[in-house]
Amino acid sequence: MLDTLKAALMEEKQMEMALRASETLLEFDPEDPYEIRDRGLIYAHLDCNHVALSDLNYFVEQCPEDPISEVIKVQIHAIEHKQVTLH
């Protein structure tokens, strides 16, 4: 049920609330690579790139045979090459 709520929040671009849902789900299974992937995608939307990269790389390392790993690798590449703007 919390998974469904998180997905709906992500679709509605309510990323802070989706992050809270993801963190709650990770309390039940802290090493779930799919939930860590989702949290990484949320962090990427929030421009928390360092943490996003950590989570997304974890997913690729844990699930190299998952077809979505190739998509996540593209996301990682995009984040790594994103220009950082300092204010």
N, C-alpha and C. Protein backbone atom coordinates (compact mmCIF):
# COMPACT_ATOMS: atom_id res chain seq x y z
N MET A 1 0.82 -1.19 0.00
CA MET A 1 0.00 0.00 0.00
C MET A 1 0.87 1.26 0.00
N LEU A 2 1.90 1.26 0.83
CA LEU A 2 2.80 2.41 0.87
C LEU A 2 3.54 2.56 -0.45
N ASP A 3 3.81 1.43 -1.11
CA ASP A 3 4.42 1.45 -2.44
C ASP A 3 3.55 2.21 -3.44
N THR A 4 2.26 1.95 -3.39
CA THR A 4 1.31 2.61 -4.29
C THR A 4 1.25 4.10 -4.00
N LEU A 5 1.25 4.46 -2.73
CA LEU A 5 1.24 5.87 -2.34
C LEU A 5 2.50 6.56 -2.85
N LYS A 6 3.64 5.92 -2.66
CA LYS A 6 4.91 6.50 -3.12
C LYS A 6 4.87 6.72 -4.63
N ALA A 7 4.41 5.74 -5.37
CA ALA A 7 4.33 5.86 -6.83
C ALA A 7 3.41 7.01 -7.24
N ALA A 8 2.29 7.14 -6.57
CA ALA A 8 1.35 8.23 -6.87
C ALA A 8 1.99 9.59 -6.56
N LEU A 9 2.69 9.67 -5.45
CA LEU A 9 3.35 10.93 -5.09
C LEU A 9 4.44 11.29 -6.10
N MET A 10 5.17 10.29 -6.56
CA MET A 10 6.20 10.54 -7.57
C MET A 10 5.57 11.04 -8.87
N GLU A 11 4.47 10.41 -9.25
CA GLU A 11 3.80 10.82 -10.48
C GLU A 11 3.26 12.25 -10.37
N GLU A 12 2.83 12.62 -9.17
CA GLU A 12 2.31 13.97 -8.94
C GLU A 12 3.42 14.98 -8.64
N LYS A 13 4.69 14.52 -8.73
CA LYS A 13 5.86 15.36 -8.50
C LYS A 13 5.92 15.92 -7.08
N GLN A 14 5.38 15.18 -6.13
CA GLN A 14 5.46 15.56 -4.72
C GLN A 14 6.62 14.77 -4.11
N MET A 15 7.83 15.17 -4.52
CA MET A 15 9.02 14.37 -4.24
C MET A 15 9.39 14.31 -2.76
N GLU A 16 9.18 15.39 -2.02
CA GLU A 16 9.52 15.34 -0.60
C GLU A 16 8.68 14.30 0.13
N MET A 17 7.40 14.25 -0.20
CA MET A 17 6.52 13.26 0.43
C MET A 17 6.84 11.85 -0.07
N ALA A 18 7.18 11.73 -1.35
CA ALA A 18 7.58 10.42 -1.89
C ALA A 18 8.85 9.93 -1.20
N LEU A 19 9.75 10.86 -0.91
CA LEU A 19 10.99 10.48 -0.21
C LEU A 19 10.67 9.95 1.18
N ARG A 20 9.74 10.58 1.87
CA ARG A 20 9.35 10.09 3.20
C ARG A 20 8.77 8.68 3.10
N ALA A 21 7.95 8.44 2.10
CA ALA A 21 7.37 7.10 1.92
C ALA A 21 8.47 6.08 1.62
N SER A 22 9.42 6.46 0.79
CA SER A 22 10.53 5.56 0.45
C SER A 22 11.37 5.25 1.68
N GLU A 23 11.66 6.26 2.47
CA GLU A 23 12.44 6.05 3.70
C GLU A 23 11.71 5.11 4.65
N THR A 24 10.40 5.25 4.74
CA THR A 24 9.61 4.36 5.60
C THR A 24 9.68 2.92 5.08
N LEU A 25 9.55 2.74 3.78
CA LEU A 25 9.66 1.40 3.20
C LEU A 25 11.03 0.79 3.46
N LEU A 26 12.07 1.61 3.41
CA LEU A 26 13.42 1.10 3.64
C LEU A 26 13.66 0.72 5.10
N GLU A 27 12.84 1.23 6.01
CA GLU A 27 12.95 0.80 7.40
C GLU A 27 12.61 -0.69 7.53
N PHE A 28 11.72 -1.18 6.69
CA PHE A 28 11.31 -2.59 6.72
C PHE A 28 12.34 -3.49 6.04
N ASP A 29 13.01 -2.98 5.01
CA ASP A 29 14.01 -3.76 4.27
C ASP A 29 15.10 -2.80 3.78
N PRO A 30 16.06 -2.49 4.65
CA PRO A 30 17.06 -1.45 4.36
C PRO A 30 17.96 -1.72 3.16
N GLU A 31 18.04 -2.95 2.70
CA GLU A 31 18.93 -3.27 1.59
C GLU A 31 18.19 -3.60 0.29
N ASP A 32 16.90 -3.30 0.24
CA ASP A 32 16.10 -3.58 -0.95
C ASP A 32 16.61 -2.73 -2.12
N PRO A 33 17.25 -3.35 -3.11
CA PRO A 33 17.83 -2.56 -4.20
C PRO A 33 16.80 -1.80 -5.03
N TYR A 34 15.59 -2.32 -5.12
CA TYR A 34 14.56 -1.64 -5.91
C TYR A 34 14.06 -0.39 -5.19
N GLU A 35 13.94 -0.48 -3.88
CA GLU A 35 13.52 0.70 -3.12
C GLU A 35 14.65 1.73 -3.08
N ILE A 36 15.88 1.26 -2.98
CA ILE A 36 17.02 2.17 -3.00
C ILE A 36 17.11 2.86 -4.36
N ARG A 37 16.81 2.12 -5.43
CA ARG A 37 16.76 2.73 -6.77
C ARG A 37 15.71 3.83 -6.82
N ASP A 38 14.52 3.53 -6.31
CA ASP A 38 13.46 4.53 -6.32
C ASP A 38 13.86 5.76 -5.52
N ARG A 39 14.49 5.53 -4.35
CA ARG A 39 14.94 6.67 -3.54
C ARG A 39 15.98 7.48 -4.32
N GLY A 40 16.86 6.80 -5.04
CA GLY A 40 17.85 7.50 -5.85
C GLY A 40 17.21 8.35 -6.93
N LEU A 41 16.17 7.83 -7.55
CA LEU A 41 15.45 8.61 -8.57
C LEU A 41 14.77 9.83 -7.96
N ILE A 42 14.24 9.66 -6.75
CA ILE A 42 13.63 10.79 -6.05
C ILE A 42 14.70 11.83 -5.74
N TYR A 43 15.83 11.38 -5.20
CA TYR A 43 16.92 12.31 -4.90
C TYR A 43 17.38 13.04 -6.16
N ALA A 44 17.42 12.36 -7.29
CA ALA A 44 17.81 13.00 -8.54
C ALA A 44 16.83 14.12 -8.90
N HIS A 45 15.54 13.88 -8.71
CA HIS A 45 14.54 14.91 -8.98
C HIS A 45 14.69 16.10 -8.03
N LEU A 46 15.19 15.84 -6.84
CA LEU A 46 15.40 16.90 -5.85
C LEU A 46 16.77 17.55 -6.00
N ASP A 47 17.52 17.17 -7.03
CA ASP A 47 18.87 17.68 -7.29
C ASP A 47 19.85 17.39 -6.15
N CYS A 48 19.62 16.30 -5.45
CA CYS A 48 20.57 15.81 -4.43
C CYS A 48 21.43 14.76 -5.12
N ASN A 49 22.27 15.23 -6.02
CA ASN A 49 22.95 14.34 -6.96
C ASN A 49 23.92 13.36 -6.31
N HIS A 50 24.63 13.79 -5.28
CA HIS A 50 25.61 12.91 -4.64
C HIS A 50 24.92 11.67 -4.06
N VAL A 51 23.81 11.88 -3.34
CA VAL A 51 23.08 10.76 -2.73
C VAL A 51 22.38 9.95 -3.82
N ALA A 52 21.87 10.63 -4.82
CA ALA A 52 21.21 9.93 -5.93
C ALA A 52 22.18 8.97 -6.60
N LEU A 53 23.39 9.43 -6.86
CA LEU A 53 24.39 8.57 -7.50
C LEU A 53 24.72 7.36 -6.64
N SER A 54 24.83 7.57 -5.36
CA SER A 54 25.12 6.46 -4.45
C SER A 54 24.03 5.40 -4.53
N ASP A 55 22.78 5.83 -4.45
CA ASP A 55 21.65 4.89 -4.50
C ASP A 55 21.55 4.20 -5.86
N LEU A 56 21.69 4.96 -6.93
CA LEU A 56 21.54 4.38 -8.26
C LEU A 56 22.68 3.41 -8.57
N ASN A 57 23.89 3.75 -8.16
CA ASN A 57 25.02 2.82 -8.34
C ASN A 57 24.82 1.54 -7.54
N TYR A 58 24.26 1.67 -6.35
CA TYR A 58 23.97 0.49 -5.53
C TYR A 58 23.03 -0.45 -6.28
N PHE A 59 22.00 0.11 -6.89
CA PHE A 59 21.05 -0.71 -7.64
C PHE A 59 21.75 -1.46 -8.78
N VAL A 60 22.56 -0.74 -9.55
CA VAL A 60 23.25 -1.35 -10.69
C VAL A 60 24.19 -2.47 -10.21
N GLU A 61 24.86 -2.24 -9.08
CA GLU A 61 25.77 -3.26 -8.53
C GLU A 61 25.00 -4.49 -8.05
N GLN A 62 23.85 -4.27 -7.43
CA GLN A 62 23.08 -5.37 -6.86
C GLN A 62 22.25 -6.12 -7.90
N CYS A 63 21.84 -5.43 -8.95
CA CYS A 63 20.94 -6.03 -9.95
C CYS A 63 21.47 -5.82 -11.37
N PRO A 64 22.69 -6.28 -11.65
CA PRO A 64 23.26 -6.02 -12.98
C PRO A 64 22.50 -6.70 -14.12
N GLU A 65 21.77 -7.76 -13.83
CA GLU A 65 21.04 -8.48 -14.87
C GLU A 65 19.64 -7.90 -15.12
N ASP A 66 19.20 -7.02 -14.25
CA ASP A 66 17.87 -6.41 -14.41
C ASP A 66 17.91 -5.49 -15.64
N PRO A 67 16.97 -5.64 -16.56
CA PRO A 67 16.98 -4.81 -17.77
C PRO A 67 16.94 -3.31 -17.48
N ILE A 68 16.35 -2.91 -16.37
CA ILE A 68 16.26 -1.49 -16.04
C ILE A 68 17.63 -0.92 -15.66
N SER A 69 18.60 -1.80 -15.37
CA SER A 69 19.95 -1.34 -15.03
C SER A 69 20.55 -0.48 -16.14
N GLU A 70 20.27 -0.83 -17.38
CA GLU A 70 20.81 -0.04 -18.50
C GLU A 70 20.23 1.38 -18.49
N VAL A 71 18.96 1.50 -18.19
CA VAL A 71 18.32 2.82 -18.10
C VAL A 71 18.92 3.60 -16.94
N ILE A 72 19.13 2.93 -15.83
CA ILE A 72 19.70 3.58 -14.65
C ILE A 72 21.13 4.04 -14.94
N LYS A 73 21.88 3.26 -15.70
CA LYS A 73 23.25 3.67 -16.07
C LYS A 73 23.22 4.97 -16.88
N VAL A 74 22.24 5.11 -17.75
CA VAL A 74 22.09 6.35 -18.52
C VAL A 74 21.78 7.51 -17.58
N GLN A 75 20.92 7.27 -16.60
CA GLN A 75 20.57 8.29 -15.61
C GLN A 75 21.82 8.69 -14.81
N ILE A 76 22.61 7.70 -14.41
CA ILE A 76 23.85 7.97 -13.67
C ILE A 76 24.78 8.84 -14.51
N HIS A 77 24.94 8.48 -15.78
CA HIS A 77 25.80 9.25 -16.69
C HIS A 77 25.30 10.70 -16.79
N ALA A 78 24.01 10.88 -16.92
CA ALA A 78 23.45 12.23 -17.03
C ALA A 78 23.71 13.04 -15.77
N ILE A 79 23.55 12.42 -14.61
CA ILE A 79 23.78 13.12 -13.35
C ILE A 79 25.26 13.49 -13.22
N GLU A 80 26.14 12.56 -13.57
CA GLU A 80 27.58 12.81 -13.45
C GLU A 80 28.05 13.95 -14.35
N HIS A 81 27.36 14.16 -15.45
CA HIS A 81 27.78 15.19 -16.40
C HIS A 81 26.93 16.46 -16.31
N LYS A 82 26.08 16.51 -15.31
CA LYS A 82 25.26 17.70 -15.10
C LYS A 82 26.15 18.83 -14.61
N GLN A 83 25.95 19.99 -15.18
CA GLN A 83 26.75 21.14 -14.75
C GLN A 83 26.27 21.61 -13.39
N VAL A 84 27.21 21.85 -12.50
CA VAL A 84 26.88 22.33 -11.17
C VAL A 84 26.91 23.84 -11.18
N THR A 85 25.83 24.45 -10.71
CA THR A 85 25.76 25.89 -10.62
C THR A 85 25.89 26.29 -9.17
N LEU A 86 26.87 27.12 -8.89
CA LEU A 86 27.07 27.61 -7.53
C LEU A 86 26.46 29.00 -7.42
N HIS A 87 25.77 29.23 -6.32
CA HIS A 87 25.14 30.54 -6.11
C HIS A 87 25.89 31.31 -5.06
